[in-house]
Amino acid sequence: MSLFSWLFGRRPTTVAPPAAVARAAPATPVPVRRAPKLDFSIGDRFVRIAALDFFGQYSRSPDGTWVIAWRDGNDAGTRGGHRLDGPGRFYLFQNGDLVAQGRAERPNDGKVANDGSFIINDWRFASELNGTFYAYRSDGSLILKRDFAANLVNNGIADDASFAVCQCANAPHSADSSILTIFDLRSGQQIAAWVPDSGWADHYSFPVDDTSIRLHYRGGESFAYALDGNFIDRGAWIDSLARNGSGYVLHHVLREYGDAIPNELAKRILVGLTTTANDPMQHAMALKVRGLCQEALDDPHDALESYDAAIAIDPKIGLKRRAAALRRRIS
């Protein structure tokens, strides 16, 4: 399958060194004359472009018009991944034509929208927990950059380049730890940052309403949030946790309420809760969650039965005093 061709009479735009926030008018298209196609090979994740002496990863725009390719390694190909010098490269192609190129210390997670706007996560050279998110227009001009005091997990861009998102990893004592940051690429501004209750997503989509983002997870589940972080699909997420017997996460949710677990939440969990799990510790925690919900609904006999079953599997699960108090109450 042919993808890349060389431009004659039109040199690729080199991305300028980033500023804190930069906006520039899109470049005026220049008529080009095509030369023979480049010698390249392309696979599911990687592309080799012989004429550019390039081998790296790539991603397509949803409509297939644009391709962003990047290499997290030095030009000589002798060092890749974690290193202290030797910046990587990235290239932007439209219908096989090279239209922009640039450098970053450790470019990763390239994504490109249907208008050619693209994003890059720079994992940086330093050993500290940090990373930089970049967004560019199709002509290579910078839309915005954002430095984070945390490593970067992944990112995403709306099909129409209206919004972009960047997920940070856990970083103890950092305000950026685990935050999901939302950017409005039309204004070039960050508009929100919050920690998603449902955890780090695999990829993202932006509904056309311009008010929400959907986080997609491996296994096919997805949950919607408002752009300000309000968890629209919290109920569906709770149902999923119960269905999958995710005892530890459910227990974390219940701990937020202390001894005042809402009846509606307790009922919702009990309706779909799976307490059978291959992992004994997960099984025990699911039984604990069931007991807490039963106790919240004033069902002490069933709650005590659940607590005793959990203690039998894991004596250190933290229920002995609670079970003893409940047993005294019943007697």
C-alpha atoms as a PDB file:
ATOM      1  CA  MET A   1       0.000   0.000   0.000  1.00  0.00           C
ATOM      2  CA  SER A   2       1.442   3.368  -1.059  1.00  0.00           C
ATOM      3  CA  LEU A   3       1.408   6.055   1.567  1.00  0.00           C
ATOM      4  CA  PHE A   4       4.384   8.414   1.358  1.00  0.00           C
ATOM      5  CA  SER A   5       5.596  10.488  -1.549  1.00  0.00           C
ATOM      6  CA  TRP A   6       8.219  13.214  -1.677  1.00  0.00           C
ATOM      7  CA  LEU A   7       7.460  16.864  -2.313  1.00  0.00           C
ATOM      8  CA  PHE A   8       9.314  18.717  -5.046  1.00  0.00           C
ATOM      9  CA  GLY A   9       9.492  22.472  -4.718  1.00  0.00           C
ATOM     10  CA  ARG A  10       7.955  22.456  -1.222  1.00  0.00           C
ATOM     11  CA  ARG A  11      10.116  21.762   1.789  1.00  0.00           C
ATOM     12  CA  PRO A  12       8.536  20.392   4.972  1.00  0.00           C
ATOM     13  CA  THR A  13       7.831  22.914   7.688  1.00  0.00           C
ATOM     14  CA  THR A  14      10.106  22.563  10.710  1.00  0.00           C
ATOM     15  CA  VAL A  15       8.273  23.023  13.998  1.00  0.00           C
ATOM     16  CA  ALA A  16       9.582  26.061  15.842  1.00  0.00           C
ATOM     17  CA  PRO A  17      10.978  25.764  19.377  1.00  0.00           C
ATOM     18  CA  PRO A  18       7.977  25.755  21.731  1.00  0.00           C
ATOM     19  CA  ALA A  19       6.806  28.745  23.704  1.00  0.00           C
ATOM     20  CA  ALA A  20       4.446  28.672  26.684  1.00  0.00           C
ATOM     21  CA  VAL A  21       1.486  29.389  24.399  1.00  0.00           C
ATOM     22  CA  ALA A  22       1.796  30.327  20.752  1.00  0.00           C
ATOM     23  CA  ARG A  23      -0.765  31.023  18.066  1.00  0.00           C
ATOM     24  CA  ALA A  24      -0.076  31.572  14.387  1.00  0.00           C
ATOM     25  CA  ALA A  25      -2.225  31.815  11.268  1.00  0.00           C
ATOM     26  CA  PRO A  26      -2.240  28.639   9.155  1.00  0.00           C
ATOM     27  CA  ALA A  27       0.235  28.659   6.282  1.00  0.00           C
ATOM     28  CA  THR A  28      -1.142  29.320   2.802  1.00  0.00           C
ATOM     29  CA  PRO A  29      -1.106  26.105   0.736  1.00  0.00           C
ATOM     30  CA  VAL A  30       1.582  26.048  -1.948  1.00  0.00           C
ATOM     31  CA  PRO A  31       1.085  24.116  -5.216  1.00  0.00           C
ATOM     32  CA  VAL A  32       3.511  21.201  -5.421  1.00  0.00           C
ATOM     33  CA  ARG A  33       4.894  18.879  -8.062  1.00  0.00           C
ATOM     34  CA  ARG A  34       5.175  15.243  -7.039  1.00  0.00           C
ATOM     35  CA  ALA A  35       8.327  13.195  -7.554  1.00  0.00           C
ATOM     36  CA  PRO A  36       8.645   9.383  -7.494  1.00  0.00           C
ATOM     37  CA  LYS A  37       7.330   7.849  -4.306  1.00  0.00           C
ATOM     38  CA  LEU A  38       9.545   7.182  -1.317  1.00  0.00           C
ATOM     39  CA  ASP A  39      10.745   3.684  -0.571  1.00  0.00           C
ATOM     40  CA  PHE A  40       8.887   2.743   2.595  1.00  0.00           C
ATOM     41  CA  SER A  41       7.214  -0.103   4.422  1.00  0.00           C
ATOM     42  CA  ILE A  42       4.346   0.237   6.855  1.00  0.00           C
ATOM     43  CA  GLY A  43       2.895  -2.167   9.405  1.00  0.00           C
ATOM     44  CA  ASP A  44       0.272  -2.082  12.127  1.00  0.00           C
ATOM     45  CA  ARG A  45       2.323   0.200  14.413  1.00  0.00           C
ATOM     46  CA  PHE A  46       5.658   0.962  12.752  1.00  0.00           C
ATOM     47  CA  VAL A  47       6.801   2.584   9.525  1.00  0.00           C
ATOM     48  CA  ARG A  48      10.177   2.635   7.769  1.00  0.00           C
ATOM     49  CA  ILE A  49      11.009   5.473   5.351  1.00  0.00           C
ATOM     50  CA  ALA A  50      14.328   4.773   3.648  1.00  0.00           C
ATOM     51  CA  ALA A  51      14.738   8.214   2.064  1.00  0.00           C
ATOM     52  CA  LEU A  52      14.470   9.838   5.497  1.00  0.00           C
ATOM     53  CA  ASP A  53      16.518   7.134   7.232  1.00  0.00           C
ATOM     54  CA  PHE A  54      13.559   6.819   9.565  1.00  0.00           C
ATOM     55  CA  PHE A  55      12.004   3.957  11.503  1.00  0.00           C
ATOM     56  CA  GLY A  56       9.360   4.663  14.118  1.00  0.00           C
ATOM     57  CA  GLN A  57       5.751   4.488  15.187  1.00  0.00           C
ATOM     58  CA  TYR A  58       2.852   6.194  13.463  1.00  0.00           C
ATOM     59  CA  SER A  59      -0.828   7.075  13.822  1.00  0.00           C
ATOM     60  CA  ARG A  60      -3.469   8.041  11.230  1.00  0.00           C
ATOM     61  CA  SER A  61      -6.202  10.651  11.341  1.00  0.00           C
ATOM     62  CA  PRO A  62      -9.726   9.178  11.553  1.00  0.00           C
ATOM     63  CA  ASP A  63     -10.373   9.968   7.873  1.00  0.00           C
ATOM     64  CA  GLY A  64      -7.028   8.463   6.797  1.00  0.00           C
ATOM     65  CA  THR A  65      -5.809  11.701   5.187  1.00  0.00           C
ATOM     66  CA  TRP A  66      -3.035  12.503   7.663  1.00  0.00           C
ATOM     67  CA  VAL A  67      -0.262  10.472   9.270  1.00  0.00           C
ATOM     68  CA  ILE A  68       1.943  11.489  12.200  1.00  0.00           C
ATOM     69  CA  ALA A  69       5.118   9.417  12.605  1.00  0.00           C
ATOM     70  CA  TRP A  70       7.632   9.657  15.439  1.00  0.00           C
ATOM     71  CA  ARG A  71      10.810   8.076  16.730  1.00  0.00           C
ATOM     72  CA  ASP A  72      11.840   8.029  20.394  1.00  0.00           C
ATOM     73  CA  GLY A  73      15.517   7.617  19.576  1.00  0.00           C
ATOM     74  CA  ASN A  74      18.544   9.495  18.282  1.00  0.00           C
ATOM     75  CA  ASP A  75      19.219  10.044  14.580  1.00  0.00           C
ATOM     76  CA  ALA A  76      21.941   7.401  14.479  1.00  0.00           C
ATOM     77  CA  GLY A  77      19.517   4.797  15.763  1.00  0.00           C
ATOM     78  CA  THR A  78      21.964   3.757  18.478  1.00  0.00           C
ATOM     79  CA  ARG A  79      19.962   4.946  21.487  1.00  0.00           C
ATOM     80  CA  GLY A  80      16.234   4.800  22.112  1.00  0.00           C
ATOM     81  CA  GLY A  81      13.900   5.004  25.065  1.00  0.00           C
ATOM     82  CA  HIS A  82      15.285   6.341  28.336  1.00  0.00           C
ATOM     83  CA  ARG A  83      18.432   8.410  27.708  1.00  0.00           C
ATOM     84  CA  LEU A  84      19.989  11.749  28.616  1.00  0.00           C
ATOM     85  CA  ASP A  85      20.563  13.152  25.114  1.00  0.00           C
ATOM     86  CA  GLY A  86      19.964  12.472  21.425  1.00  0.00           C
ATOM     87  CA  PRO A  87      16.549  13.979  20.582  1.00  0.00           C
ATOM     88  CA  GLY A  88      13.943  12.150  18.539  1.00  0.00           C
ATOM     89  CA  ARG A  89      12.013  13.290  15.472  1.00  0.00           C
ATOM     90  CA  PHE A  90       8.447  13.462  14.225  1.00  0.00           C
ATOM     91  CA  TYR A  91       6.971  13.918  10.742  1.00  0.00           C
ATOM     92  CA  LEU A  92       3.503  14.903   9.500  1.00  0.00           C
ATOM     93  CA  PHE A  93       2.184  13.656   6.145  1.00  0.00           C
ATOM     94  CA  GLN A  94      -0.939  14.584   4.181  1.00  0.00           C
ATOM     95  CA  ASN A  95      -2.057  12.112   1.525  1.00  0.00           C
ATOM     96  CA  GLY A  96       1.501  10.813   1.432  1.00  0.00           C
ATOM     97  CA  ASP A  97       3.164  14.254   1.228  1.00  0.00           C
ATOM     98  CA  LEU A  98       5.572  15.374   3.927  1.00  0.00           C
ATOM     99  CA  VAL A  99       4.285  18.732   5.192  1.00  0.00           C
ATOM    100  CA  ALA A 100       5.851  19.274   8.632  1.00  0.00           C
ATOM    101  CA  GLN A 101       8.622  17.909  10.783  1.00  0.00           C
ATOM    102  CA  GLY A 102      10.141  18.629  14.160  1.00  0.00           C
ATOM    103  CA  ARG A 103      12.195  17.419  17.092  1.00  0.00           C
ATOM    104  CA  ALA A 104      11.414  16.589  20.702  1.00  0.00           C
ATOM    105  CA  GLU A 105      13.550  14.992  23.366  1.00  0.00           C
ATOM    106  CA  ARG A 106      11.475  11.791  23.513  1.00  0.00           C
ATOM    107  CA  PRO A 107       8.408  12.086  21.235  1.00  0.00           C
ATOM    108  CA  ASN A 108       5.640   9.565  21.904  1.00  0.00           C
ATOM    109  CA  ASP A 109       1.890   9.045  21.496  1.00  0.00           C
ATOM    110  CA  GLY A 110       1.419  11.053  18.322  1.00  0.00           C
ATOM    111  CA  LYS A 111      -2.213  11.676  17.335  1.00  0.00           C
ATOM    112  CA  VAL A 112      -3.575  13.674  14.386  1.00  0.00           C
ATOM    113  CA  ALA A 113      -7.038  15.105  13.684  1.00  0.00           C
ATOM    114  CA  ASN A 114      -8.887  15.326  10.372  1.00  0.00           C
ATOM    115  CA  ASP A 115      -7.634  18.882   9.765  1.00  0.00           C
ATOM    116  CA  GLY A 116      -3.983  17.895  10.328  1.00  0.00           C
ATOM    117  CA  SER A 117      -3.655  19.354  13.825  1.00  0.00           C
ATOM    118  CA  PHE A 118      -1.554  16.972  15.882  1.00  0.00           C
ATOM    119  CA  ILE A 119      -0.346  16.294  19.410  1.00  0.00           C
ATOM    120  CA  ILE A 120       2.796  14.755  20.905  1.00  0.00           C
ATOM    121  CA  ASN A 121       3.739  13.623  24.407  1.00  0.00           C
ATOM    122  CA  ASP A 122       7.412  14.322  25.118  1.00  0.00           C
ATOM    123  CA  TRP A 123       8.653  11.921  27.790  1.00  0.00           C
ATOM    124  CA  ARG A 124      11.778  14.072  28.301  1.00  0.00           C
ATOM    125  CA  PHE A 125      15.398  13.102  28.966  1.00  0.00           C
ATOM    126  CA  ALA A 126      15.494  13.701  32.721  1.00  0.00           C
ATOM    127  CA  SER A 127      15.155  10.916  35.264  1.00  0.00           C
ATOM    128  CA  GLU A 128      12.646  12.967  37.262  1.00  0.00           C
ATOM    129  CA  LEU A 129       8.922  12.385  36.899  1.00  0.00           C
ATOM    130  CA  ASN A 130       8.020  14.886  34.193  1.00  0.00           C
ATOM    131  CA  GLY A 131       6.750  15.270  30.648  1.00  0.00           C
ATOM    132  CA  THR A 132       5.555  17.874  28.161  1.00  0.00           C
ATOM    133  CA  PHE A 133       2.405  17.892  26.039  1.00  0.00           C
ATOM    134  CA  TYR A 134       2.516  19.696  22.663  1.00  0.00           C
ATOM    135  CA  ALA A 135      -0.266  20.591  20.225  1.00  0.00           C
ATOM    136  CA  TYR A 136       0.504  21.837  16.694  1.00  0.00           C
ATOM    137  CA  ARG A 137      -1.388  22.995  13.648  1.00  0.00           C
ATOM    138  CA  SER A 138      -0.963  21.207  10.333  1.00  0.00           C
ATOM    139  CA  ASP A 139       1.563  23.825   9.173  1.00  0.00           C
ATOM    140  CA  GLY A 140       3.806  23.034  12.141  1.00  0.00           C
ATOM    141  CA  SER A 141       2.994  26.154  14.160  1.00  0.00           C
ATOM    142  CA  LEU A 142       2.556  25.626  17.879  1.00  0.00           C
ATOM    143  CA  ILE A 143      -0.917  25.811  19.421  1.00  0.00           C
ATOM    144  CA  LEU A 144       0.178  25.197  23.012  1.00  0.00           C
ATOM    145  CA  LYS A 145       2.524  23.301  25.313  1.00  0.00           C
ATOM    146  CA  ARG A 146       2.046  22.165  28.887  1.00  0.00           C
ATOM    147  CA  ASP A 147       4.800  20.962  31.216  1.00  0.00           C
ATOM    148  CA  PHE A 148       3.814  18.382  33.831  1.00  0.00           C
ATOM    149  CA  ALA A 149       5.584  17.284  37.010  1.00  0.00           C
ATOM    150  CA  ALA A 150       4.581  13.685  36.284  1.00  0.00           C
ATOM    151  CA  ASN A 151       5.206  11.091  33.606  1.00  0.00           C
ATOM    152  CA  LEU A 152       2.671  11.010  30.775  1.00  0.00           C
ATOM    153  CA  VAL A 153       0.459   7.954  30.209  1.00  0.00           C
ATOM    154  CA  ASN A 154      -1.302   8.804  26.938  1.00  0.00           C
ATOM    155  CA  ASN A 155      -3.285  11.492  25.132  1.00  0.00           C
ATOM    156  CA  GLY A 156      -6.095  12.061  22.656  1.00  0.00           C
ATOM    157  CA  ILE A 157      -7.422  14.612  20.181  1.00  0.00           C
ATOM    158  CA  ALA A 158     -10.945  15.225  18.887  1.00  0.00           C
ATOM    159  CA  ASP A 159     -11.592  14.271  15.266  1.00  0.00           C
ATOM    160  CA  ASP A 160     -12.235  17.944  14.446  1.00  0.00           C
ATOM    161  CA  ALA A 161      -9.286  19.182  16.566  1.00  0.00           C
ATOM    162  CA  SER A 162     -11.598  21.100  18.892  1.00  0.00           C
ATOM    163  CA  PHE A 163     -10.219  19.513  22.067  1.00  0.00           C
ATOM    164  CA  ALA A 164      -7.297  17.435  23.255  1.00  0.00           C
ATOM    165  CA  VAL A 165      -6.537  15.541  26.441  1.00  0.00           C
ATOM    166  CA  CYS A 166      -3.424  14.342  28.279  1.00  0.00           C
ATOM    167  CA  GLN A 167      -3.297  11.790  31.120  1.00  0.00           C
ATOM    168  CA  CYS A 168      -0.559  11.933  33.775  1.00  0.00           C
ATOM    169  CA  ALA A 169       0.767   8.964  35.733  1.00  0.00           C
ATOM    170  CA  ASN A 170       0.997   8.752  39.497  1.00  0.00           C
ATOM    171  CA  ALA A 171       3.589  11.166  40.901  1.00  0.00           C
ATOM    172  CA  PRO A 172       3.797  11.341  44.705  1.00  0.00           C
ATOM    173  CA  HIS A 173       3.693  14.866  46.180  1.00  0.00           C
ATOM    174  CA  SER A 174       2.960  16.423  42.754  1.00  0.00           C
ATOM    175  CA  ALA A 175      -0.146  18.450  41.967  1.00  0.00           C
ATOM    176  CA  ASP A 176      -0.096  16.798  38.531  1.00  0.00           C
ATOM    177  CA  SER A 177      -0.327  13.252  39.895  1.00  0.00           C
ATOM    178  CA  SER A 178      -2.839  11.181  37.872  1.00  0.00           C
ATOM    179  CA  ILE A 179      -4.637  14.248  36.488  1.00  0.00           C
ATOM    180  CA  LEU A 180      -6.464  14.246  33.172  1.00  0.00           C
ATOM    181  CA  THR A 181      -6.023  17.645  31.519  1.00  0.00           C
ATOM    182  CA  ILE A 182      -8.454  19.016  28.933  1.00  0.00           C
ATOM    183  CA  PHE A 183      -7.315  21.554  26.323  1.00  0.00           C
ATOM    184  CA  ASP A 184      -9.416  23.731  24.022  1.00  0.00           C
ATOM    185  CA  LEU A 185      -7.308  23.790  20.859  1.00  0.00           C
ATOM    186  CA  ARG A 186      -9.413  26.536  19.294  1.00  0.00           C
ATOM    187  CA  SER A 187      -8.455  29.006  22.022  1.00  0.00           C
ATOM    188  CA  GLY A 188      -5.099  27.387  22.808  1.00  0.00           C
ATOM    189  CA  GLN A 189      -5.959  27.123  26.505  1.00  0.00           C
ATOM    190  CA  GLN A 190      -6.160  24.492  29.224  1.00  0.00           C
ATOM    191  CA  ILE A 191      -9.757  24.440  30.443  1.00  0.00           C
ATOM    192  CA  ALA A 192      -9.802  21.753  33.161  1.00  0.00           C
ATOM    193  CA  ALA A 193      -7.735  19.164  35.033  1.00  0.00           C
ATOM    194  CA  TRP A 194      -9.055  16.419  37.306  1.00  0.00           C
ATOM    195  CA  VAL A 195      -8.417  12.836  38.410  1.00  0.00           C
ATOM    196  CA  PRO A 196     -10.874  10.423  36.738  1.00  0.00           C
ATOM    197  CA  ASP A 197     -12.606   8.139  39.246  1.00  0.00           C
ATOM    198  CA  SER A 198     -12.687   5.340  36.681  1.00  0.00           C
ATOM    199  CA  GLY A 199      -8.900   5.359  36.306  1.00  0.00           C
ATOM    200  CA  TRP A 200      -6.583   5.802  33.341  1.00  0.00           C
ATOM    201  CA  ALA A 201      -8.331   5.199  30.036  1.00  0.00           C
ATOM    202  CA  ASP A 202      -6.987   3.433  26.963  1.00  0.00           C
ATOM    203  CA  HIS A 203      -8.267   6.098  24.546  1.00  0.00           C
ATOM    204  CA  TYR A 204     -10.730   8.999  24.334  1.00  0.00           C
ATOM    205  CA  SER A 205     -13.525  10.421  22.214  1.00  0.00           C
ATOM    206  CA  PHE A 206     -15.219  13.813  22.208  1.00  0.00           C
ATOM    207  CA  PRO A 207     -18.971  13.938  21.464  1.00  0.00           C
ATOM    208  CA  VAL A 208     -20.128  16.707  19.144  1.00  0.00           C
ATOM    209  CA  ASP A 209     -21.890  18.471  22.027  1.00  0.00           C
ATOM    210  CA  ASP A 210     -18.562  20.101  23.021  1.00  0.00           C
ATOM    211  CA  THR A 211     -19.446  19.591  26.688  1.00  0.00           C
ATOM    212  CA  SER A 212     -18.190  16.091  27.482  1.00  0.00           C
ATOM    213  CA  ILE A 213     -15.449  13.538  26.962  1.00  0.00           C
ATOM    214  CA  ARG A 214     -15.771   9.748  26.878  1.00  0.00           C
ATOM    215  CA  LEU A 215     -13.046   7.581  28.402  1.00  0.00           C
ATOM    216  CA  HIS A 216     -12.696   4.179  26.710  1.00  0.00           C
ATOM    217  CA  TYR A 217     -11.179   1.170  28.471  1.00  0.00           C
ATOM    218  CA  ARG A 218      -9.742  -2.129  27.351  1.00  0.00           C
ATOM    219  CA  GLY A 219     -12.514  -4.667  27.332  1.00  0.00           C
ATOM    220  CA  GLY A 220     -14.928  -2.312  25.587  1.00  0.00           C
ATOM    221  CA  GLU A 221     -16.395  -0.288  28.443  1.00  0.00           C
ATOM    222  CA  SER A 222     -16.529   3.511  28.299  1.00  0.00           C
ATOM    223  CA  PHE A 223     -17.731   6.266  30.621  1.00  0.00           C
ATOM    224  CA  ALA A 224     -18.654   9.898  30.001  1.00  0.00           C
ATOM    225  CA  TYR A 225     -17.458  12.897  31.993  1.00  0.00           C
ATOM    226  CA  ALA A 226     -18.328  16.557  31.635  1.00  0.00           C
ATOM    227  CA  LEU A 227     -15.309  18.568  30.568  1.00  0.00           C
ATOM    228  CA  ASP A 228     -15.122  20.022  34.084  1.00  0.00           C
ATOM    229  CA  GLY A 229     -14.734  16.508  35.540  1.00  0.00           C
ATOM    230  CA  ASN A 230     -18.313  15.826  36.657  1.00  0.00           C
ATOM    231  CA  PHE A 231     -18.726  12.051  36.322  1.00  0.00           C
ATOM    232  CA  ILE A 232     -21.810  11.713  34.116  1.00  0.00           C
ATOM    233  CA  ASP A 233     -21.711   7.908  33.970  1.00  0.00           C
ATOM    234  CA  ARG A 234     -20.840   7.288  37.613  1.00  0.00           C
ATOM    235  CA  GLY A 235     -23.824   4.982  38.036  1.00  0.00           C
ATOM    236  CA  ALA A 236     -22.833   2.870  35.042  1.00  0.00           C
ATOM    237  CA  TRP A 237     -19.285   2.692  36.408  1.00  0.00           C
ATOM    238  CA  ILE A 238     -20.542   1.450  39.794  1.00  0.00           C
ATOM    239  CA  ASP A 239     -22.611  -1.189  37.978  1.00  0.00           C
ATOM    240  CA  SER A 240     -19.518  -2.283  36.070  1.00  0.00           C
ATOM    241  CA  LEU A 241     -17.432  -2.556  39.235  1.00  0.00           C
ATOM    242  CA  ALA A 242     -20.118  -4.662  40.897  1.00  0.00           C
ATOM    243  CA  ARG A 243     -20.559  -6.876  37.844  1.00  0.00           C
ATOM    244  CA  ASN A 244     -16.818  -7.499  37.634  1.00  0.00           C
ATOM    245  CA  GLY A 245     -16.414  -8.095  41.359  1.00  0.00           C
ATOM    246  CA  SER A 246     -13.930  -5.225  41.686  1.00  0.00           C
ATOM    247  CA  GLY A 247     -13.969  -5.328  45.474  1.00  0.00           C
ATOM    248  CA  TYR A 248     -11.012  -3.064  46.158  1.00  0.00           C
ATOM    249  CA  VAL A 249     -12.277  -0.225  43.980  1.00  0.00           C
ATOM    250  CA  LEU A 250     -15.807  -0.546  45.356  1.00  0.00           C
ATOM    251  CA  HIS A 251     -14.424  -0.482  48.892  1.00  0.00           C
ATOM    252  CA  HIS A 252     -12.553   2.720  48.054  1.00  0.00           C
ATOM    253  CA  VAL A 253     -15.818   4.229  46.804  1.00  0.00           C
ATOM    254  CA  LEU A 254     -17.664   3.222  49.984  1.00  0.00           C
ATOM    255  CA  ARG A 255     -14.931   4.616  52.235  1.00  0.00           C
ATOM    256  CA  GLU A 256     -15.736   8.098  50.950  1.00  0.00           C
ATOM    257  CA  TYR A 257     -19.054   7.856  52.833  1.00  0.00           C
ATOM    258  CA  GLY A 258     -17.778   6.353  56.102  1.00  0.00           C
ATOM    259  CA  ASP A 259     -20.709   4.848  58.016  1.00  0.00           C
ATOM    260  CA  ALA A 260     -23.247   6.891  56.024  1.00  0.00           C
ATOM    261  CA  ILE A 261     -23.373   4.873  52.804  1.00  0.00           C
ATOM    262  CA  PRO A 262     -26.380   6.122  50.780  1.00  0.00           C
ATOM    263  CA  ASN A 263     -29.166   3.547  50.475  1.00  0.00           C
ATOM    264  CA  GLU A 264     -29.392   4.071  46.725  1.00  0.00           C
ATOM    265  CA  LEU A 265     -25.688   3.327  46.299  1.00  0.00           C
ATOM    266  CA  ALA A 266     -25.846   0.251  48.542  1.00  0.00           C
ATOM    267  CA  LYS A 267     -28.834  -1.122  46.632  1.00  0.00           C
ATOM    268  CA  ARG A 268     -27.171  -0.471  43.298  1.00  0.00           C
ATOM    269  CA  ILE A 269     -24.040  -2.372  44.303  1.00  0.00           C
ATOM    270  CA  LEU A 270     -25.944  -5.318  45.772  1.00  0.00           C
ATOM    271  CA  VAL A 271     -28.092  -5.783  42.663  1.00  0.00           C
ATOM    272  CA  GLY A 272     -25.139  -6.599  40.434  1.00  0.00           C
ATOM    273  CA  LEU A 273     -22.337  -7.522  42.843  1.00  0.00           C
ATOM    274  CA  THR A 274     -20.325 -10.596  41.898  1.00  0.00           C
ATOM    275  CA  THR A 275     -18.646 -12.124  44.952  1.00  0.00           C
ATOM    276  CA  THR A 276     -16.977 -15.032  43.183  1.00  0.00           C
ATOM    277  CA  ALA A 277     -13.453 -14.299  41.999  1.00  0.00           C
ATOM    278  CA  ASN A 278     -10.413 -16.387  41.159  1.00  0.00           C
ATOM    279  CA  ASP A 279      -8.269 -14.179  43.396  1.00  0.00           C
ATOM    280  CA  PRO A 280      -9.061 -15.040  47.054  1.00  0.00           C
ATOM    281  CA  MET A 281      -8.233 -11.528  48.244  1.00  0.00           C
ATOM    282  CA  GLN A 282     -10.534  -9.981  45.636  1.00  0.00           C
ATOM    283  CA  HIS A 283     -13.203 -12.495  46.656  1.00  0.00           C
ATOM    284  CA  ALA A 284     -12.842 -11.562  50.321  1.00  0.00           C
ATOM    285  CA  MET A 285     -13.027  -7.841  49.560  1.00  0.00           C
ATOM    286  CA  ALA A 286     -16.175  -8.315  47.481  1.00  0.00           C
ATOM    287  CA  LEU A 287     -17.757 -10.121  50.446  1.00  0.00           C
ATOM    288  CA  LYS A 288     -16.739  -7.225  52.700  1.00  0.00           C
ATOM    289  CA  VAL A 289     -18.343  -4.758  50.298  1.00  0.00           C
ATOM    290  CA  ARG A 290     -21.512  -6.859  50.248  1.00  0.00           C
ATOM    291  CA  GLY A 291     -21.616  -6.849  54.033  1.00  0.00           C
ATOM    292  CA  LEU A 292     -21.106  -3.087  54.260  1.00  0.00           C
ATOM    293  CA  CYS A 293     -23.972  -2.522  51.836  1.00  0.00           C
ATOM    294  CA  GLN A 294     -26.217  -4.968  53.698  1.00  0.00           C
ATOM    295  CA  GLU A 295     -25.438  -3.264  56.997  1.00  0.00           C
ATOM    296  CA  ALA A 296     -26.156   0.147  55.451  1.00  0.00           C
ATOM    297  CA  LEU A 297     -29.582  -1.195  54.443  1.00  0.00           C
ATOM    298  CA  ASP A 298     -30.203  -2.393  58.028  1.00  0.00           C
ATOM    299  CA  ASP A 299     -29.857  -6.088  57.241  1.00  0.00           C
ATOM    300  CA  PRO A 300     -27.566  -7.154  60.119  1.00  0.00           C
ATOM    301  CA  HIS A 301     -27.994 -10.931  59.792  1.00  0.00           C
ATOM    302  CA  ASP A 302     -26.958 -11.060  56.129  1.00  0.00           C
ATOM    303  CA  ALA A 303     -24.211  -8.504  56.783  1.00  0.00           C
ATOM    304  CA  LEU A 304     -22.733 -10.647  59.552  1.00  0.00           C
ATOM    305  CA  GLU A 305     -22.838 -13.695  57.279  1.00  0.00           C
ATOM    306  CA  SER A 306     -20.899 -11.752  54.619  1.00  0.00           C
ATOM    307  CA  TYR A 307     -18.366 -10.490  57.177  1.00  0.00           C
ATOM    308  CA  ASP A 308     -17.765 -13.987  58.559  1.00  0.00           C
ATOM    309  CA  ALA A 309     -17.252 -15.359  55.040  1.00  0.00           C
ATOM    310  CA  ALA A 310     -14.751 -12.588  54.263  1.00  0.00           C
ATOM    311  CA  ILE A 311     -12.845 -13.164  57.532  1.00  0.00           C
ATOM    312  CA  ALA A 312     -12.645 -16.897  56.811  1.00  0.00           C
ATOM    313  CA  ILE A 313     -10.804 -16.118  53.563  1.00  0.00           C
ATOM    314  CA  ASP A 314      -8.692 -13.229  54.867  1.00  0.00           C
ATOM    315  CA  PRO A 315      -8.479 -12.869  58.670  1.00  0.00           C
ATOM    316  CA  LYS A 316      -6.671  -9.518  58.262  1.00  0.00           C
ATOM    317  CA  ILE A 317      -9.345  -7.891  56.127  1.00  0.00           C
ATOM    318  CA  GLY A 318     -10.268  -5.515  58.965  1.00  0.00           C
ATOM    319  CA  LEU A 319     -13.701  -6.811  59.909  1.00  0.00           C
ATOM    320  CA  LYS A 320     -13.286  -8.656  63.227  1.00  0.00           C
ATOM    321  CA  ARG A 321     -14.319  -5.737  65.446  1.00  0.00           C
ATOM    322  CA  ARG A 322     -17.155  -4.789  63.137  1.00  0.00           C
ATOM    323  CA  ALA A 323     -18.411  -8.374  63.031  1.00  0.00           C
ATOM    324  CA  ALA A 324     -18.175  -8.662  66.821  1.00  0.00           C
ATOM    325  CA  ALA A 325     -20.150  -5.441  67.291  1.00  0.00           C
ATOM    326  CA  LEU A 326     -22.793  -6.637  64.865  1.00  0.00           C
ATOM    327  CA  ARG A 327     -23.002 -10.009  66.627  1.00  0.00           C
ATOM    328  CA  ARG A 328     -23.599  -8.244  69.967  1.00  0.00           C
ATOM    329  CA  ARG A 329     -26.268  -6.092  68.367  1.00  0.00           C
ATOM    330  CA  ILE A 330     -28.088  -9.130  67.016  1.00  0.00           C
ATOM    331  CA  SER A 331     -27.919 -11.019  70.309  1.00  0.00           C
END
